[in-house]
Amino acid sequence: MSKPEINVTPLIDVLLVLLIIFMVVTPVKPDKFEARIPSEPKPNNERIDPDPRTLVVTVASDSSLGLNKENLEATVSSPQDLIDRLRAVFAARSQNLENERTVFIKAPKGIDYGTVAKVVDAVKVSGAAPISLQIDRLD
C-alpha cells in the first residue's frame, strides 16, 4: 500500500494565474501628481461688510470686553455684562426661529492664554456653541 501524496501541480497553476491577474490589475505608478493651486487673489477695492449675525467678542489690551462694535461694562475678571448681553441676543434669536449661536473671540496677540481662556469660559456660560478664535494678522 502506497502513501497518499498531495499533487501540488494544480495549486501552482492557480497561484500563477492569480499572480498574473494581480500584475495586470495593479495600477502603474503615476508619473506626476497634479494639484490645483489657488490663484492669486485679484485686487478688489470693494468693501465687504460682515454678516450682521456674526458675534465677535473683542478683548482689549486693558482687559475690557466688547461685543461687535458695542462697548460693554465687562472685563475679563467680571464678565457678567457680556454674559447677560449674549444671553439676550440668543433669546431674541430663538424667538425668531434662528438658532445661530456661533461666537468668535478676538484678542490682541500679546495677551496671555489664561485671559483668553477666561473669556472662552464666560462665552460658554452664556450658551454659545461653537466658540472660535479669530485671527486678524499673523505678524
N, C-alpha and C. Protein backbone atom coordinates (compact mmCIF):
# COMPACT_ATOMS: atom_id res chain seq x y z
N MET A 1 0.83 -1.16 0.00
CA MET A 1 0.00 0.00 0.00
C MET A 1 0.89 1.25 0.00
N SER A 2 0.61 2.14 -0.92
CA SER A 2 1.43 3.34 -1.00
C SER A 2 0.80 4.47 -0.20
N LYS A 3 1.68 5.37 0.23
CA LYS A 3 1.20 6.53 0.99
C LYS A 3 0.56 7.54 0.05
N PRO A 4 -0.49 8.20 0.48
CA PRO A 4 -1.10 9.22 -0.38
C PRO A 4 -0.18 10.45 -0.46
N GLU A 5 -0.06 11.00 -1.62
CA GLU A 5 0.74 12.19 -1.84
C GLU A 5 -0.15 13.31 -2.38
N ILE A 6 0.19 14.53 -2.01
CA ILE A 6 -0.57 15.68 -2.48
C ILE A 6 -0.01 16.10 -3.83
N ASN A 7 -0.88 16.23 -4.77
CA ASN A 7 -0.48 16.70 -6.09
C ASN A 7 -0.54 18.23 -6.07
N VAL A 8 0.62 18.90 -6.10
CA VAL A 8 0.68 20.36 -5.99
C VAL A 8 0.63 21.05 -7.34
N THR A 9 0.60 20.32 -8.42
CA THR A 9 0.59 20.94 -9.75
C THR A 9 -0.63 21.83 -9.97
N PRO A 10 -1.85 21.41 -9.62
CA PRO A 10 -2.98 22.32 -9.81
C PRO A 10 -2.89 23.56 -8.91
N LEU A 11 -2.33 23.41 -7.71
CA LEU A 11 -2.17 24.55 -6.81
C LEU A 11 -1.21 25.57 -7.40
N ILE A 12 -0.11 25.10 -7.97
CA ILE A 12 0.85 26.01 -8.58
C ILE A 12 0.23 26.70 -9.79
N ASP A 13 -0.56 25.98 -10.57
CA ASP A 13 -1.23 26.60 -11.72
C ASP A 13 -2.17 27.74 -11.27
N VAL A 14 -2.91 27.48 -10.22
CA VAL A 14 -3.83 28.51 -9.71
C VAL A 14 -3.05 29.71 -9.19
N LEU A 15 -1.96 29.47 -8.49
CA LEU A 15 -1.15 30.57 -7.97
C LEU A 15 -0.55 31.40 -9.10
N LEU A 16 -0.08 30.78 -10.14
CA LEU A 16 0.47 31.52 -11.28
C LEU A 16 -0.61 32.36 -11.97
N VAL A 17 -1.80 31.81 -12.12
CA VAL A 17 -2.89 32.58 -12.71
C VAL A 17 -3.22 33.79 -11.84
N LEU A 18 -3.29 33.60 -10.51
CA LEU A 18 -3.57 34.73 -9.61
C LEU A 18 -2.46 35.76 -9.68
N LEU A 19 -1.21 35.33 -9.75
CA LEU A 19 -0.10 36.27 -9.86
C LEU A 19 -0.21 37.11 -11.12
N ILE A 20 -0.54 36.48 -12.22
CA ILE A 20 -0.70 37.22 -13.48
C ILE A 20 -1.85 38.21 -13.38
N ILE A 21 -2.95 37.79 -12.78
CA ILE A 21 -4.11 38.69 -12.63
C ILE A 21 -3.73 39.90 -11.79
N PHE A 22 -3.05 39.69 -10.66
CA PHE A 22 -2.67 40.81 -9.81
C PHE A 22 -1.65 41.72 -10.48
N MET A 23 -0.78 41.17 -11.29
CA MET A 23 0.19 42.02 -12.00
C MET A 23 -0.51 42.90 -13.03
N VAL A 24 -1.53 42.37 -13.67
CA VAL A 24 -2.26 43.16 -14.67
C VAL A 24 -3.15 44.20 -14.01
N VAL A 25 -3.76 43.84 -12.89
CA VAL A 25 -4.70 44.75 -12.23
C VAL A 25 -3.98 45.86 -11.47
N THR A 26 -2.79 45.62 -10.98
CA THR A 26 -2.07 46.61 -10.19
C THR A 26 -1.81 47.85 -11.04
N PRO A 27 -2.20 49.02 -10.53
CA PRO A 27 -2.02 50.23 -11.34
C PRO A 27 -0.54 50.58 -11.49
N VAL A 28 -0.26 51.24 -12.57
CA VAL A 28 1.09 51.69 -12.84
C VAL A 28 1.38 52.91 -11.96
N LYS A 29 2.60 53.02 -11.52
CA LYS A 29 2.99 54.16 -10.68
C LYS A 29 2.78 55.46 -11.45
N PRO A 30 2.07 56.42 -10.85
CA PRO A 30 1.82 57.67 -11.58
C PRO A 30 3.13 58.44 -11.77
N ASP A 31 3.26 59.06 -12.94
CA ASP A 31 4.49 59.78 -13.22
C ASP A 31 4.46 61.22 -12.72
N LYS A 32 3.28 61.74 -12.39
CA LYS A 32 3.19 63.09 -11.84
C LYS A 32 1.96 63.19 -10.95
N PHE A 33 2.01 64.14 -10.06
CA PHE A 33 0.90 64.38 -9.15
C PHE A 33 0.35 65.77 -9.45
N GLU A 34 -0.87 65.81 -9.93
CA GLU A 34 -1.48 67.08 -10.29
C GLU A 34 -2.28 67.62 -9.12
N ALA A 35 -2.00 68.86 -8.76
CA ALA A 35 -2.73 69.52 -7.68
C ALA A 35 -3.22 70.87 -8.20
N ARG A 36 -4.39 71.23 -7.75
CA ARG A 36 -4.92 72.53 -8.12
C ARG A 36 -4.48 73.55 -7.08
N ILE A 37 -3.73 74.51 -7.49
CA ILE A 37 -3.23 75.55 -6.60
C ILE A 37 -4.11 76.78 -6.78
N PRO A 38 -4.53 77.38 -5.67
CA PRO A 38 -5.39 78.56 -5.82
C PRO A 38 -4.65 79.70 -6.50
N SER A 39 -5.39 80.44 -7.28
CA SER A 39 -4.78 81.56 -8.00
C SER A 39 -4.61 82.75 -7.06
N GLU A 40 -3.79 83.65 -7.48
CA GLU A 40 -3.53 84.86 -6.70
C GLU A 40 -4.82 85.68 -6.64
N PRO A 41 -5.19 86.19 -5.46
CA PRO A 41 -6.43 86.98 -5.39
C PRO A 41 -6.30 88.27 -6.18
N LYS A 42 -7.39 88.60 -6.82
CA LYS A 42 -7.42 89.83 -7.61
C LYS A 42 -7.61 91.02 -6.67
N PRO A 43 -6.92 92.12 -6.96
CA PRO A 43 -7.13 93.29 -6.11
C PRO A 43 -8.57 93.77 -6.22
N ASN A 44 -9.17 93.96 -5.09
CA ASN A 44 -10.58 94.31 -5.06
C ASN A 44 -10.75 95.48 -4.09
N ASN A 45 -11.26 96.55 -4.58
CA ASN A 45 -11.46 97.73 -3.73
C ASN A 45 -12.84 97.75 -3.11
N GLU A 46 -13.64 96.73 -3.39
CA GLU A 46 -14.96 96.65 -2.79
C GLU A 46 -14.84 96.35 -1.31
N ARG A 47 -15.64 97.01 -0.52
CA ARG A 47 -15.66 96.72 0.90
C ARG A 47 -16.74 95.67 1.15
N ILE A 48 -16.34 94.58 1.79
CA ILE A 48 -17.29 93.52 2.10
C ILE A 48 -17.70 93.68 3.55
N ASP A 49 -18.96 93.93 3.77
CA ASP A 49 -19.46 94.09 5.12
C ASP A 49 -19.65 92.73 5.77
N PRO A 50 -19.32 92.61 7.05
CA PRO A 50 -19.51 91.32 7.72
C PRO A 50 -20.99 90.99 7.87
N ASP A 51 -21.26 89.74 8.03
CA ASP A 51 -22.62 89.26 8.24
C ASP A 51 -23.15 89.87 9.54
N PRO A 52 -24.34 90.46 9.53
CA PRO A 52 -24.84 91.10 10.76
C PRO A 52 -25.13 90.10 11.88
N ARG A 53 -25.23 88.82 11.55
CA ARG A 53 -25.48 87.82 12.59
C ARG A 53 -24.20 87.38 13.29
N THR A 54 -23.04 87.80 12.78
CA THR A 54 -21.76 87.39 13.36
C THR A 54 -21.56 88.09 14.70
N LEU A 55 -21.21 87.30 15.69
CA LEU A 55 -20.93 87.84 17.03
C LEU A 55 -19.44 87.72 17.31
N VAL A 56 -18.80 88.86 17.56
CA VAL A 56 -17.37 88.89 17.84
C VAL A 56 -17.18 89.54 19.20
N VAL A 57 -16.61 88.77 20.13
CA VAL A 57 -16.25 89.31 21.44
C VAL A 57 -14.82 89.78 21.34
N THR A 58 -14.61 91.07 21.59
CA THR A 58 -13.29 91.66 21.48
C THR A 58 -12.71 91.86 22.87
N VAL A 59 -11.48 91.38 23.05
CA VAL A 59 -10.75 91.58 24.30
C VAL A 59 -9.73 92.68 24.03
N ALA A 60 -9.85 93.77 24.75
CA ALA A 60 -8.90 94.86 24.58
C ALA A 60 -7.66 94.61 25.43
N SER A 61 -6.61 95.38 25.16
CA SER A 61 -5.36 95.19 25.90
C SER A 61 -5.50 95.56 27.37
N ASP A 62 -6.52 96.37 27.72
CA ASP A 62 -6.75 96.73 29.12
C ASP A 62 -7.75 95.78 29.80
N SER A 63 -8.01 94.62 29.20
CA SER A 63 -8.89 93.56 29.71
C SER A 63 -10.37 93.91 29.65
N SER A 64 -10.74 94.96 28.95
CA SER A 64 -12.16 95.26 28.78
C SER A 64 -12.70 94.42 27.63
N LEU A 65 -14.00 94.15 27.68
CA LEU A 65 -14.64 93.30 26.68
C LEU A 65 -15.67 94.08 25.90
N GLY A 66 -15.82 93.72 24.64
CA GLY A 66 -16.82 94.34 23.80
C GLY A 66 -17.49 93.29 22.94
N LEU A 67 -18.70 93.57 22.49
CA LEU A 67 -19.43 92.67 21.61
C LEU A 67 -19.70 93.42 20.31
N ASN A 68 -19.11 92.94 19.22
CA ASN A 68 -19.13 93.61 17.91
C ASN A 68 -18.62 95.04 18.09
N LYS A 69 -19.39 96.04 17.77
CA LYS A 69 -18.96 97.44 17.92
C LYS A 69 -19.40 98.04 19.26
N GLU A 70 -20.07 97.25 20.06
CA GLU A 70 -20.67 97.72 21.31
C GLU A 70 -19.67 97.56 22.47
N ASN A 71 -19.41 98.65 23.17
CA ASN A 71 -18.55 98.59 24.36
C ASN A 71 -19.40 98.21 25.56
N LEU A 72 -18.96 97.22 26.30
CA LEU A 72 -19.71 96.75 27.46
C LEU A 72 -18.99 97.14 28.74
N GLU A 73 -19.71 97.08 29.82
CA GLU A 73 -19.12 97.35 31.13
C GLU A 73 -18.50 96.08 31.71
N ALA A 74 -18.03 95.21 30.87
CA ALA A 74 -17.49 93.93 31.31
C ALA A 74 -15.98 93.93 31.15
N THR A 75 -15.33 93.20 32.03
CA THR A 75 -13.89 92.98 31.93
C THR A 75 -13.64 91.48 32.01
N VAL A 76 -12.40 91.10 31.84
CA VAL A 76 -12.07 89.68 31.89
C VAL A 76 -12.34 89.13 33.29
N SER A 77 -12.07 89.92 34.31
CA SER A 77 -12.28 89.44 35.69
C SER A 77 -13.75 89.47 36.10
N SER A 78 -14.57 90.32 35.48
CA SER A 78 -16.01 90.36 35.78
C SER A 78 -16.81 90.43 34.47
N PRO A 79 -17.04 89.28 33.83
CA PRO A 79 -17.68 89.27 32.50
C PRO A 79 -19.20 89.18 32.53
N GLN A 80 -19.85 89.45 33.65
CA GLN A 80 -21.29 89.23 33.76
C GLN A 80 -22.08 90.06 32.76
N ASP A 81 -21.66 91.29 32.47
CA ASP A 81 -22.37 92.12 31.50
C ASP A 81 -22.32 91.48 30.10
N LEU A 82 -21.19 90.91 29.75
CA LEU A 82 -21.07 90.21 28.47
C LEU A 82 -21.97 88.98 28.42
N ILE A 83 -21.98 88.21 29.50
CA ILE A 83 -22.81 87.01 29.56
C ILE A 83 -24.29 87.37 29.41
N ASP A 84 -24.72 88.41 30.13
CA ASP A 84 -26.12 88.84 30.04
C ASP A 84 -26.48 89.31 28.62
N ARG A 85 -25.56 90.06 27.99
CA ARG A 85 -25.82 90.58 26.65
C ARG A 85 -25.92 89.44 25.63
N LEU A 86 -25.01 88.46 25.74
CA LEU A 86 -25.06 87.31 24.82
C LEU A 86 -26.32 86.49 25.03
N ARG A 87 -26.72 86.30 26.28
CA ARG A 87 -27.96 85.56 26.56
C ARG A 87 -29.17 86.27 25.95
N ALA A 88 -29.17 87.61 26.02
CA ALA A 88 -30.27 88.38 25.44
C ALA A 88 -30.29 88.22 23.91
N VAL A 89 -29.13 88.24 23.30
CA VAL A 89 -29.05 88.06 21.84
C VAL A 89 -29.54 86.67 21.45
N PHE A 90 -29.12 85.65 22.19
CA PHE A 90 -29.54 84.28 21.88
C PHE A 90 -31.03 84.09 22.11
N ALA A 91 -31.59 84.74 23.14
CA ALA A 91 -33.03 84.64 23.39
C ALA A 91 -33.83 85.30 22.26
N ALA A 92 -33.35 86.46 21.78
CA ALA A 92 -34.03 87.13 20.67
C ALA A 92 -33.94 86.29 19.40
N ARG A 93 -32.82 85.64 19.19
CA ARG A 93 -32.68 84.80 18.00
C ARG A 93 -33.56 83.57 18.07
N SER A 94 -33.72 83.00 19.25
CA SER A 94 -34.57 81.80 19.35
C SER A 94 -36.04 82.16 19.14
N GLN A 95 -36.43 83.39 19.49
CA GLN A 95 -37.81 83.81 19.22
C GLN A 95 -38.05 83.98 17.72
N ASN A 96 -37.00 84.33 16.99
CA ASN A 96 -37.10 84.48 15.54
C ASN A 96 -36.82 83.18 14.80
N LEU A 97 -36.81 82.07 15.52
CA LEU A 97 -36.56 80.74 14.98
C LEU A 97 -35.19 80.65 14.30
N GLU A 98 -34.26 81.41 14.84
CA GLU A 98 -32.89 81.40 14.34
C GLU A 98 -32.02 80.87 15.47
N ASN A 99 -31.32 79.80 15.21
CA ASN A 99 -30.58 79.15 16.28
C ASN A 99 -29.08 79.30 16.10
N GLU A 100 -28.63 80.42 15.59
CA GLU A 100 -27.21 80.67 15.38
C GLU A 100 -26.58 81.15 16.68
N ARG A 101 -25.65 80.37 17.22
CA ARG A 101 -25.01 80.70 18.49
C ARG A 101 -23.49 80.72 18.38
N THR A 102 -22.98 80.89 17.18
CA THR A 102 -21.53 80.92 16.97
C THR A 102 -20.98 82.25 17.45
N VAL A 103 -19.90 82.19 18.22
CA VAL A 103 -19.24 83.39 18.73
C VAL A 103 -17.76 83.30 18.42
N PHE A 104 -17.20 84.39 17.92
CA PHE A 104 -15.77 84.50 17.67
C PHE A 104 -15.15 85.36 18.78
N ILE A 105 -13.98 84.97 19.22
CA ILE A 105 -13.26 85.75 20.23
C ILE A 105 -12.02 86.32 19.58
N LYS A 106 -11.88 87.63 19.68
CA LYS A 106 -10.76 88.33 19.07
C LYS A 106 -9.96 89.00 20.17
N ALA A 107 -8.69 88.65 20.28
CA ALA A 107 -7.84 89.19 21.33
C ALA A 107 -6.52 89.65 20.72
N PRO A 108 -5.86 90.62 21.35
CA PRO A 108 -4.55 91.02 20.84
C PRO A 108 -3.54 89.90 20.96
N LYS A 109 -2.55 89.94 20.10
CA LYS A 109 -1.57 88.86 20.06
C LYS A 109 -0.76 88.77 21.35
N GLY A 110 -0.52 89.87 22.00
CA GLY A 110 0.33 89.88 23.19
C GLY A 110 -0.36 89.46 24.48
N ILE A 111 -1.66 89.17 24.43
CA ILE A 111 -2.39 88.84 25.66
C ILE A 111 -2.10 87.38 26.04
N ASP A 112 -2.09 87.10 27.33
CA ASP A 112 -1.75 85.75 27.78
C ASP A 112 -2.91 84.77 27.58
N TYR A 113 -2.56 83.49 27.59
CA TYR A 113 -3.51 82.42 27.32
C TYR A 113 -4.60 82.36 28.39
N GLY A 114 -4.26 82.57 29.64
CA GLY A 114 -5.23 82.48 30.73
C GLY A 114 -6.36 83.49 30.58
N THR A 115 -6.03 84.67 30.11
CA THR A 115 -7.05 85.70 29.91
C THR A 115 -8.04 85.27 28.84
N VAL A 116 -7.53 84.74 27.74
CA VAL A 116 -8.40 84.28 26.66
C VAL A 116 -9.24 83.09 27.14
N ALA A 117 -8.66 82.22 27.94
CA ALA A 117 -9.40 81.06 28.46
C ALA A 117 -10.56 81.51 29.35
N LYS A 118 -10.36 82.57 30.14
CA LYS A 118 -11.44 83.09 30.98
C LYS A 118 -12.59 83.63 30.11
N VAL A 119 -12.23 84.29 29.02
CA VAL A 119 -13.26 84.83 28.12
C VAL A 119 -14.00 83.69 27.44
N VAL A 120 -13.28 82.65 27.03
CA VAL A 120 -13.93 81.47 26.43
C VAL A 120 -14.91 80.85 27.41
N ASP A 121 -14.52 80.73 28.67
CA ASP A 121 -15.41 80.18 29.69
C ASP A 121 -16.66 81.04 29.87
N ALA A 122 -16.48 82.36 29.87
CA ALA A 122 -17.63 83.25 30.04
C ALA A 122 -18.58 83.14 28.86
N VAL A 123 -18.04 83.06 27.66
CA VAL A 123 -18.88 82.94 26.47
C VAL A 123 -19.60 81.59 26.47
N LYS A 124 -18.92 80.55 26.95
CA LYS A 124 -19.54 79.23 27.03
C LYS A 124 -20.69 79.23 28.03
N VAL A 125 -20.54 79.95 29.14
CA VAL A 125 -21.60 80.04 30.15
C VAL A 125 -22.85 80.71 29.57
N SER A 126 -22.64 81.63 28.63
CA SER A 126 -23.79 82.33 28.05
C SER A 126 -24.61 81.45 27.11
N GLY A 127 -24.06 80.28 26.73
CA GLY A 127 -24.80 79.37 25.88
C GLY A 127 -24.33 79.33 24.44
N ALA A 128 -23.18 79.91 24.17
CA ALA A 128 -22.67 79.93 22.80
C ALA A 128 -22.04 78.59 22.44
N ALA A 129 -22.24 78.18 21.21
CA ALA A 129 -21.61 76.97 20.69
C ALA A 129 -21.76 76.99 19.18
N PRO A 130 -20.75 76.88 18.41
CA PRO A 130 -19.35 76.73 18.74
C PRO A 130 -18.69 78.08 19.03
N ILE A 131 -17.54 78.00 19.69
CA ILE A 131 -16.75 79.19 20.01
C ILE A 131 -15.45 79.08 19.22
N SER A 132 -15.11 80.14 18.52
CA SER A 132 -13.91 80.13 17.68
C SER A 132 -13.04 81.33 18.00
N LEU A 133 -11.77 81.18 17.73
CA LEU A 133 -10.83 82.28 17.90
C LEU A 133 -10.62 82.93 16.55
N GLN A 134 -10.58 84.25 16.53
CA GLN A 134 -10.43 84.98 15.29
C GLN A 134 -9.02 85.53 15.20
N ILE A 135 -8.42 85.36 14.04
CA ILE A 135 -7.06 85.85 13.82
C ILE A 135 -7.14 86.95 12.77
N ASP A 136 -6.58 88.10 13.10
CA ASP A 136 -6.56 89.19 12.11
C ASP A 136 -5.28 89.16 11.29
N ARG A 137 -4.16 89.20 11.98
CA ARG A 137 -2.89 89.27 11.27
C ARG A 137 -1.93 88.25 11.88
N LEU A 138 -1.07 87.72 11.06
CA LEU A 138 -0.09 86.74 11.53
C LEU A 138 1.31 87.34 11.50
N ASP A 139 1.47 88.52 12.08
CA ASP A 139 2.79 89.18 12.10
C ASP A 139 3.73 88.47 13.03
